[in-house]
């Protein structure tokens, strides 16, 4: 009995010692910055003077009274909803197409993943060159076809849609990869049994494929929602939030009207509000996925 208790105690000490560095790392890199941000969101932090007098809910009040912030929230929600729906749908169609191939699946998978492997900054710079109204290859194609040429990133009619296309182009491969992995887990015996019973392709998709990959689709939608809601690099490089704030996202607003203007209290409040939005949407996805 004594040896067994002593062994359990030793095991508990060993586990604590092994997990302690990870816990400390998470506390330092995650918990502390969050608490730091929450605290400074209630202060009028002055970076130059190094002072941070308590201001209560003044930053949050100023935030929600700011028309540019309200527009940024509207732009972010609209962009996120459209982008996630398109990425999941195109990812699903692409996964079904690749799964149906008899040959060359590995080659096609590799080629499809290339856009997602590129950093967001690189993607933004590539598309800025291709869509340049002066020397862009897409502009040359439009000119050769006699189609109208736009200043894609600085025209209010095209800026938002152009950013949307670029984001979808880069992130459809992620949706494809995640859904394709779940497709591999669908038992072939179910398809065979359905075929014997005379089920068509649409019936097999509705009654076999979708129920088996529903969790994967929900997970993909949740991850893409979280990532898209934090969209910053493409907006900052390509449009800077313009024209007339039509492409300003919450993160771009945080940078332009908070960090860049040295209003760190306002920027901290904006970060907390964005985090709450993401947590609410993630919880909705998780509840639906668990049903």
Protein backbone atom coordinates (compact mmCIF):
# COMPACT_ATOMS: atom_id res chain seq x y z
CA UNK A 1 0.00 0.00 0.00
CA UNK A 2 2.78 2.37 0.96
CA UNK A 3 4.66 1.65 -2.26
CA UNK A 4 1.54 2.17 -4.37
CA UNK A 5 0.75 5.51 -2.70
CA UNK A 6 4.36 6.57 -3.01
CA UNK A 7 4.28 5.66 -6.72
CA UNK A 8 1.14 7.72 -7.28
CA UNK A 9 2.71 10.67 -5.50
CA UNK A 10 5.87 10.41 -7.60
CA UNK A 11 3.78 10.17 -10.77
CA UNK A 12 1.79 13.28 -9.79
CA UNK A 13 4.99 15.24 -9.11
CA UNK A 14 6.47 14.11 -12.44
CA UNK A 15 3.34 15.15 -14.36
CA UNK A 16 3.30 18.54 -12.60
CA UNK A 17 6.95 19.14 -13.42
CA UNK A 18 6.43 18.24 -17.08
CA UNK A 19 3.33 20.41 -17.53
CA UNK A 20 4.58 23.38 -15.52
CA UNK A 21 6.66 24.93 -18.37
CA UNK A 22 3.68 24.73 -20.76
CA UNK A 23 1.33 26.28 -18.21
CA UNK A 24 3.80 29.10 -17.50
CA UNK A 25 4.28 29.69 -21.23
CA UNK A 26 0.50 29.89 -21.80
CA UNK A 27 0.07 32.25 -18.85
CA UNK A 28 2.82 34.56 -20.09
CA UNK A 29 1.93 34.48 -23.80
CA UNK A 30 -1.88 34.30 -23.57
CA UNK A 31 -3.44 35.13 -20.23
CA UNK A 32 -1.17 38.07 -19.37
CA UNK A 33 -1.67 39.90 -22.72
CA UNK A 34 -5.45 39.44 -22.45
CA UNK A 35 -5.54 40.82 -18.90
CA UNK A 36 -3.18 43.60 -19.96
CA UNK A 37 -5.50 44.54 -22.86
CA UNK A 38 -8.61 44.44 -20.67
CA UNK A 39 -6.98 46.72 -18.11
CA UNK A 40 -5.79 49.29 -20.65
CA UNK A 41 -9.19 49.33 -22.35
CA UNK A 42 -10.44 51.10 -19.19
CA UNK A 43 -7.64 53.68 -19.20
CA UNK A 44 -6.59 56.72 -21.21
CA UNK A 45 -3.18 55.27 -22.00
CA UNK A 46 -0.64 57.84 -23.14
CA UNK A 47 2.31 56.14 -24.81
CA UNK A 48 4.50 59.25 -24.96
CA UNK A 49 4.02 60.18 -21.30
CA UNK A 50 3.85 56.60 -20.08
CA UNK A 51 0.71 57.37 -18.04
CA UNK A 52 -2.54 55.40 -17.98
CA UNK A 53 -5.19 57.19 -15.87
CA UNK A 54 -8.38 55.20 -15.30
CA UNK A 55 -11.21 56.36 -17.57
CA UNK A 56 -13.92 53.75 -16.95
CA UNK A 57 -16.09 52.90 -19.94
CA UNK A 58 -15.11 56.03 -21.85
CA UNK A 59 -13.24 54.08 -24.53
CA UNK A 60 -16.14 51.70 -25.09
CA UNK A 61 -18.61 54.59 -25.23
CA UNK A 62 -16.44 56.46 -27.74
CA UNK A 63 -16.04 53.28 -29.74
CA UNK A 64 -19.74 52.58 -30.23
CA UNK A 65 -20.48 56.25 -30.88
CA UNK A 66 -17.86 56.32 -33.63
CA UNK A 67 -19.57 56.02 -37.03
CA UNK A 68 -16.39 54.64 -38.60
CA UNK A 69 -16.30 51.81 -36.06
CA UNK A 70 -19.93 50.94 -36.75
CA UNK A 71 -19.14 50.88 -40.45
CA UNK A 72 -16.08 48.70 -39.76
CA UNK A 73 -18.23 46.21 -37.83
CA UNK A 74 -20.76 46.13 -40.67
CA UNK A 75 -18.01 45.63 -43.27
CA UNK A 76 -16.36 42.89 -41.21
CA UNK A 77 -19.57 40.94 -40.60
CA UNK A 78 -20.63 41.23 -44.26
CA UNK A 79 -17.19 40.23 -45.51
CA UNK A 80 -16.97 37.30 -43.08
CA UNK A 81 -20.40 35.89 -43.91
CA UNK A 82 -19.93 36.09 -47.69
CA UNK A 83 -16.33 34.84 -47.62
CA UNK A 84 -17.01 31.88 -45.31
CA UNK A 85 -20.08 30.76 -47.29
CA UNK A 86 -18.19 30.94 -50.60
CA UNK A 87 -15.06 29.25 -49.22
CA UNK A 88 -16.97 26.37 -47.63
CA UNK A 89 -19.15 25.81 -50.71
CA UNK A 90 -16.24 25.97 -53.16
CA UNK A 91 -14.10 23.86 -50.82
CA UNK A 92 -16.83 21.22 -50.69
CA UNK A 93 -17.27 21.18 -54.47
CA UNK A 94 -13.51 20.97 -54.99
CA UNK A 95 -13.18 18.13 -52.46
CA UNK A 96 -15.96 16.17 -54.16
CA UNK A 97 -14.33 16.71 -57.55
CA UNK A 98 -10.87 15.60 -56.40
CA UNK A 99 -12.37 12.59 -54.57
CA UNK A 100 -14.04 11.51 -57.81
CA UNK A 101 -10.79 11.53 -59.80
CA UNK A 102 -9.46 8.12 -60.73
CA UNK A 103 -5.94 9.39 -61.41
CA UNK A 104 -3.77 12.32 -60.43
CA UNK A 105 -5.34 13.08 -57.05
CA UNK A 106 -1.95 13.76 -55.44
CA UNK A 107 -0.88 16.18 -58.17
CA UNK A 108 -4.20 18.06 -58.10
CA UNK A 109 -4.14 18.26 -54.28
CA UNK A 110 -0.65 19.74 -54.35
CA UNK A 111 -1.54 22.35 -56.98
CA UNK A 112 -4.73 23.35 -55.15
CA UNK A 113 -2.88 23.95 -51.89
CA UNK A 114 -0.33 26.38 -53.36
CA UNK A 115 -2.39 29.59 -52.80
CA UNK A 116 -2.94 28.75 -49.14
CA UNK A 117 0.79 28.15 -48.57
CA UNK A 118 1.62 31.72 -49.55
CA UNK A 119 1.76 34.38 -46.79
CA UNK A 120 -1.10 36.89 -46.85
CA UNK A 121 1.34 39.75 -47.53
CA UNK A 122 2.76 37.94 -50.55
CA UNK A 123 -0.74 37.25 -51.88
CA UNK A 124 -1.67 40.91 -51.47
CA UNK A 125 1.44 42.11 -53.32
CA UNK A 126 0.95 39.61 -56.17
CA UNK A 127 -2.65 40.68 -56.71
CA UNK A 128 -1.71 44.36 -56.46
CA UNK A 129 0.72 43.89 -59.32
CA UNK A 130 -1.73 41.86 -61.43
CA UNK A 131 -4.57 44.35 -60.91
CA UNK A 132 -2.47 47.48 -61.37
CA UNK A 133 -4.34 49.90 -63.70
CA UNK A 134 -1.04 50.80 -65.35
CA UNK A 135 0.87 47.55 -65.94
CA UNK A 136 -1.23 44.72 -64.46
CA UNK A 137 -1.69 41.59 -66.54
CA UNK A 138 -5.42 41.45 -65.74
CA UNK A 139 -5.78 45.07 -66.91
CA UNK A 140 -4.04 44.13 -70.17
CA UNK A 141 -6.45 41.21 -70.66
CA UNK A 142 -9.48 43.43 -70.02
CA UNK A 143 -8.13 46.04 -72.44
CA UNK A 144 -7.51 43.43 -75.14
CA UNK A 145 -11.08 42.13 -74.76
CA UNK A 146 -12.51 45.64 -74.90
CA UNK A 147 -13.84 45.43 -71.34
CA UNK A 148 -13.88 48.39 -68.94
CA UNK A 149 -10.82 48.76 -66.72
CA UNK A 150 -11.20 49.82 -63.10
CA UNK A 151 -8.86 51.12 -60.46
CA UNK A 152 -9.78 47.98 -58.55
CA UNK A 153 -8.61 48.93 -55.06
CA UNK A 154 -9.57 52.61 -55.10
CA UNK A 155 -12.99 52.47 -56.73
CA UNK A 156 -15.90 52.21 -54.30
CA UNK A 157 -17.72 49.90 -56.73
CA UNK A 158 -14.96 47.29 -56.91
CA UNK A 159 -12.72 47.53 -53.81
CA UNK A 160 -14.81 45.39 -51.47
CA UNK A 161 -15.55 42.72 -54.09
CA UNK A 162 -11.91 42.59 -55.18
CA UNK A 163 -10.71 41.98 -51.62
CA UNK A 164 -13.37 39.30 -51.26
CA UNK A 165 -12.24 37.49 -54.41
CA UNK A 166 -8.61 37.57 -53.28
CA UNK A 167 -9.44 36.21 -49.82
CA UNK A 168 -11.62 33.44 -51.24
CA UNK A 169 -8.93 32.53 -53.79
CA UNK A 170 -6.34 32.10 -51.04
CA UNK A 171 -8.48 30.26 -48.48
CA UNK A 172 -10.62 27.86 -50.53
CA UNK A 173 -7.70 25.38 -50.43
CA UNK A 174 -7.93 25.28 -46.62
CA UNK A 175 -11.65 24.46 -46.78
CA UNK A 176 -10.95 21.89 -49.48
CA UNK A 177 -8.23 20.18 -47.42
CA UNK A 178 -10.33 19.95 -44.26
CA UNK A 179 -13.46 18.70 -46.02
CA UNK A 180 -11.45 16.33 -48.22
CA UNK A 181 -9.91 14.76 -45.10
CA UNK A 182 -13.40 14.12 -43.70
CA UNK A 183 -14.50 12.64 -47.03
CA UNK A 184 -11.81 10.00 -46.66
CA UNK A 185 -13.58 8.76 -43.53
CA UNK A 186 -16.91 8.08 -45.24
CA UNK A 187 -17.32 4.27 -45.49
CA UNK A 188 -17.45 3.04 -49.08
CA UNK A 189 -19.82 0.29 -47.95
CA UNK A 190 -22.52 2.90 -47.40
CA UNK A 191 -22.20 4.13 -50.98
CA UNK A 192 -22.27 0.56 -52.28
CA UNK A 193 -25.38 -0.28 -50.28
CA UNK A 194 -27.09 2.90 -51.49
CA UNK A 195 -26.21 2.10 -55.12
CA UNK A 196 -27.67 -1.38 -54.76
CA UNK A 197 -30.87 0.19 -53.42
CA UNK A 198 -31.03 2.39 -56.52
CA UNK A 199 -30.04 5.71 -54.91
CA UNK A 200 -28.83 8.37 -57.33
CA UNK A 201 -25.81 10.65 -56.95
CA UNK A 202 -27.79 13.45 -55.31
CA UNK A 203 -29.48 11.04 -52.90
CA UNK A 204 -26.12 9.54 -51.92
CA UNK A 205 -24.72 13.02 -51.36
CA UNK A 206 -27.70 14.13 -49.26
CA UNK A 207 -28.18 11.02 -47.14
CA UNK A 208 -24.60 9.67 -46.88
CA UNK A 209 -21.97 12.29 -47.65
CA UNK A 210 -23.44 15.30 -45.86
CA UNK A 211 -24.30 13.50 -42.58
CA UNK A 212 -20.78 12.04 -42.42
CA UNK A 213 -18.91 15.28 -43.13
CA UNK A 214 -21.28 17.70 -41.37
CA UNK A 215 -18.91 18.04 -38.41
CA UNK A 216 -16.02 18.81 -40.75
CA UNK A 217 -18.01 21.49 -42.57
CA UNK A 218 -19.00 23.10 -39.25
CA UNK A 219 -15.38 23.02 -38.04
CA UNK A 220 -14.20 24.54 -41.32
CA UNK A 221 -16.81 27.30 -41.08
CA UNK A 222 -15.84 28.07 -37.49
CA UNK A 223 -12.10 28.25 -38.19
CA UNK A 224 -12.61 30.38 -41.29
CA UNK A 225 -14.97 32.70 -39.40
CA UNK A 226 -12.39 33.28 -36.67
CA UNK A 227 -9.61 33.88 -39.20
CA UNK A 228 -11.65 36.06 -41.57
CA UNK A 229 -12.94 38.22 -38.72
CA UNK A 230 -9.29 39.16 -38.03
CA UNK A 231 -8.64 40.18 -41.65
CA UNK A 232 -5.96 42.87 -41.73
CA UNK A 233 -2.94 42.32 -44.00
CA UNK A 234 -4.77 42.39 -47.34
CA UNK A 235 -6.88 45.38 -46.36
CA UNK A 236 -3.93 47.36 -45.00
CA UNK A 237 -1.72 46.71 -48.03
CA UNK A 238 -4.27 46.94 -50.83
CA UNK A 239 -6.80 49.59 -49.77
CA UNK A 240 -5.86 50.89 -46.31
CA UNK A 241 -9.56 50.72 -45.48
CA UNK A 242 -10.62 52.97 -48.35
CA UNK A 243 -12.11 54.28 -50.44
CA UNK A 244 -14.32 56.20 -47.99
CA UNK A 245 -13.97 53.41 -45.40
CA UNK A 246 -15.84 50.95 -47.64
CA UNK A 247 -13.26 48.23 -46.89
CA UNK A 248 -12.38 49.16 -43.31
CA UNK A 249 -12.49 46.12 -41.04
CA UNK A 250 -12.38 46.07 -37.24
CA UNK A 251 -8.65 45.30 -37.24
CA UNK A 252 -7.97 48.06 -39.77
CA UNK A 253 -9.98 50.50 -37.66
CA UNK A 254 -8.01 49.40 -34.59
CA UNK A 255 -4.75 50.10 -36.39
CA UNK A 256 -5.73 53.39 -38.09
CA UNK A 257 -7.76 55.09 -35.35
CA UNK A 258 -6.14 53.42 -32.36
CA UNK A 259 -2.54 52.23 -32.62
CA UNK A 260 -1.45 54.56 -35.43
CA UNK A 261 -3.02 57.51 -33.61
CA UNK A 262 -1.39 56.41 -30.31
CA UNK A 263 -4.84 55.89 -28.75
CA UNK A 264 -3.95 52.57 -27.14
CA UNK A 265 -6.89 52.64 -24.73
CA UNK A 266 -9.32 52.86 -27.66
CA UNK A 267 -7.40 50.18 -29.54
CA UNK A 268 -7.53 47.87 -26.49
CA UNK A 269 -11.30 48.38 -26.19
CA UNK A 270 -11.65 47.59 -29.89
CA UNK A 271 -9.62 44.39 -29.45
CA UNK A 272 -11.85 43.25 -26.56
CA UNK A 273 -15.02 43.93 -28.53
CA UNK A 274 -13.65 41.97 -31.50
CA UNK A 275 -12.72 39.07 -29.22
CA UNK A 276 -16.24 38.99 -27.77
CA UNK A 277 -17.72 38.91 -31.29
CA UNK A 278 -15.47 35.99 -32.26
CA UNK A 279 -16.29 34.06 -29.07
CA UNK A 280 -20.03 34.50 -29.63
CA UNK A 281 -19.85 33.29 -33.23
CA UNK A 282 -17.57 30.38 -32.30
CA UNK A 283 -19.94 29.27 -29.54
CA UNK A 284 -22.85 29.30 -32.01
CA UNK A 285 -20.91 27.09 -34.41
CA UNK A 286 -19.89 24.71 -31.62
CA UNK A 287 -23.47 24.36 -30.36
CA UNK A 288 -24.74 23.57 -33.84
CA UNK A 289 -21.90 21.11 -34.44
CA UNK A 290 -22.64 19.25 -31.18
CA UNK A 291 -26.33 18.75 -32.01
